[in-house]
Amino acid sequence: MKEFKINKFLSLRRKDDETHIYVAGKWFMQCSFVPLNIEKPNLERYADAESIDEIIDRYSRT
């Protein structure tokens, strides 16, 4: 496994042809995808969102 240390807290490691982020020696699992079922009539509600986090916040309220 190849490792690139950014600083004493952050490092990147290659494993199984993927790059994993480690924070303080612990693997940081990031969200790869978020499945959403947004019906066509509701698409405009999310058109001005600036991030996936904002979309998730709006979606979770409905």
C-alpha atoms as a PDB file:
ATOM      1  CA  MET A   1       0.000   0.000   0.000  1.00  0.00           C
ATOM      2  CA  LYS A   2       1.398   3.375  -1.000  1.00  0.00           C
ATOM      3  CA  GLU A   3       0.969   6.286   1.386  1.00  0.00           C
ATOM      4  CA  PHE A   4       1.354  10.051   0.992  1.00  0.00           C
ATOM      5  CA  LYS A   5       1.510  12.055   4.221  1.00  0.00           C
ATOM      6  CA  ILE A   6       0.107  15.573   3.925  1.00  0.00           C
ATOM      7  CA  ASN A   7       0.795  16.483   7.547  1.00  0.00           C
ATOM      8  CA  LYS A   8       0.785  14.714  10.910  1.00  0.00           C
ATOM      9  CA  PHE A   9      -3.011  14.413  10.786  1.00  0.00           C
ATOM     10  CA  LEU A  10      -3.798  13.755   7.106  1.00  0.00           C
ATOM     11  CA  SER A  11      -2.576  11.049   4.790  1.00  0.00           C
ATOM     12  CA  LEU A  12      -3.686   9.415   1.556  1.00  0.00           C
ATOM     13  CA  ARG A  13      -3.331   5.694   0.947  1.00  0.00           C
ATOM     14  CA  ARG A  14      -3.860   3.668  -2.210  1.00  0.00           C
ATOM     15  CA  LYS A  15      -5.769   0.453  -1.644  1.00  0.00           C
ATOM     16  CA  ASP A  16      -7.481  -1.715  -4.250  1.00  0.00           C
ATOM     17  CA  ASP A  17      -6.982   0.971  -6.951  1.00  0.00           C
ATOM     18  CA  GLU A  18      -8.738   3.584  -4.801  1.00  0.00           C
ATOM     19  CA  THR A  19      -7.417   6.494  -2.765  1.00  0.00           C
ATOM     20  CA  HIS A  20      -8.473   6.501   0.884  1.00  0.00           C
ATOM     21  CA  ILE A  21      -8.257   9.510   3.200  1.00  0.00           C
ATOM     22  CA  TYR A  22      -6.956   8.978   6.731  1.00  0.00           C
ATOM     23  CA  VAL A  23      -7.415  11.522   9.538  1.00  0.00           C
ATOM     24  CA  ALA A  24      -5.271  10.944  12.628  1.00  0.00           C
ATOM     25  CA  GLY A  25      -4.630   7.405  11.408  1.00  0.00           C
ATOM     26  CA  LYS A  26      -8.327   6.534  10.999  1.00  0.00           C
ATOM     27  CA  TRP A  27      -9.997   5.934   7.665  1.00  0.00           C
ATOM     28  CA  PHE A  28     -12.337   8.802   6.770  1.00  0.00           C
ATOM     29  CA  MET A  29     -15.360   7.347   4.993  1.00  0.00           C
ATOM     30  CA  GLN A  30     -16.792   9.932   2.683  1.00  0.00           C
ATOM     31  CA  CYS A  31     -20.140   9.755   0.964  1.00  0.00           C
ATOM     32  CA  SER A  32     -19.738   8.402  -2.568  1.00  0.00           C
ATOM     33  CA  PHE A  33     -23.295   8.907  -3.713  1.00  0.00           C
ATOM     34  CA  VAL A  34     -26.706   9.823  -2.388  1.00  0.00           C
ATOM     35  CA  PRO A  35     -29.721   8.122  -3.941  1.00  0.00           C
ATOM     36  CA  LEU A  36     -32.663  10.497  -4.287  1.00  0.00           C
ATOM     37  CA  ASN A  37     -36.006   9.983  -5.928  1.00  0.00           C
ATOM     38  CA  ILE A  38     -37.060  13.437  -7.111  1.00  0.00           C
ATOM     39  CA  GLU A  39     -40.105  13.485  -9.319  1.00  0.00           C
ATOM     40  CA  LYS A  40     -40.051  15.665 -12.414  1.00  0.00           C
ATOM     41  CA  PRO A  41     -42.643  18.199 -11.167  1.00  0.00           C
ATOM     42  CA  ASN A  42     -40.411  18.877  -8.126  1.00  0.00           C
ATOM     43  CA  LEU A  43     -37.109  19.414  -9.973  1.00  0.00           C
ATOM     44  CA  GLU A  44     -37.372  23.214  -9.848  1.00  0.00           C
ATOM     45  CA  ARG A  45     -37.339  23.066  -6.037  1.00  0.00           C
ATOM     46  CA  TYR A  46     -33.707  21.892  -6.190  1.00  0.00           C
ATOM     47  CA  ALA A  47     -32.444  23.820  -9.247  1.00  0.00           C
ATOM     48  CA  ASP A  48     -30.842  26.666  -7.275  1.00  0.00           C
ATOM     49  CA  ALA A  49     -29.091  24.429  -4.726  1.00  0.00           C
ATOM     50  CA  GLU A  50     -25.360  25.042  -4.428  1.00  0.00           C
ATOM     51  CA  SER A  51     -24.358  21.709  -2.888  1.00  0.00           C
ATOM     52  CA  ILE A  52     -25.540  18.150  -2.417  1.00  0.00           C
ATOM     53  CA  ASP A  53     -25.813  18.886   1.312  1.00  0.00           C
ATOM     54  CA  GLU A  54     -28.348  21.609   0.586  1.00  0.00           C
ATOM     55  CA  ILE A  55     -30.356  19.255  -1.630  1.00  0.00           C
ATOM     56  CA  ILE A  56     -30.337  16.562   1.047  1.00  0.00           C
ATOM     57  CA  ASP A  57     -31.499  19.089   3.636  1.00  0.00           C
ATOM     58  CA  ARG A  58     -34.397  20.228   1.443  1.00  0.00           C
ATOM     59  CA  TYR A  59     -35.259  16.672   0.423  1.00  0.00           C
ATOM     60  CA  SER A  60     -35.320  15.369   3.992  1.00  0.00           C
ATOM     61  CA  ARG A  61     -37.933  17.966   4.974  1.00  0.00           C
ATOM     62  CA  THR A  62     -40.403  16.738   2.346  1.00  0.00           C
END
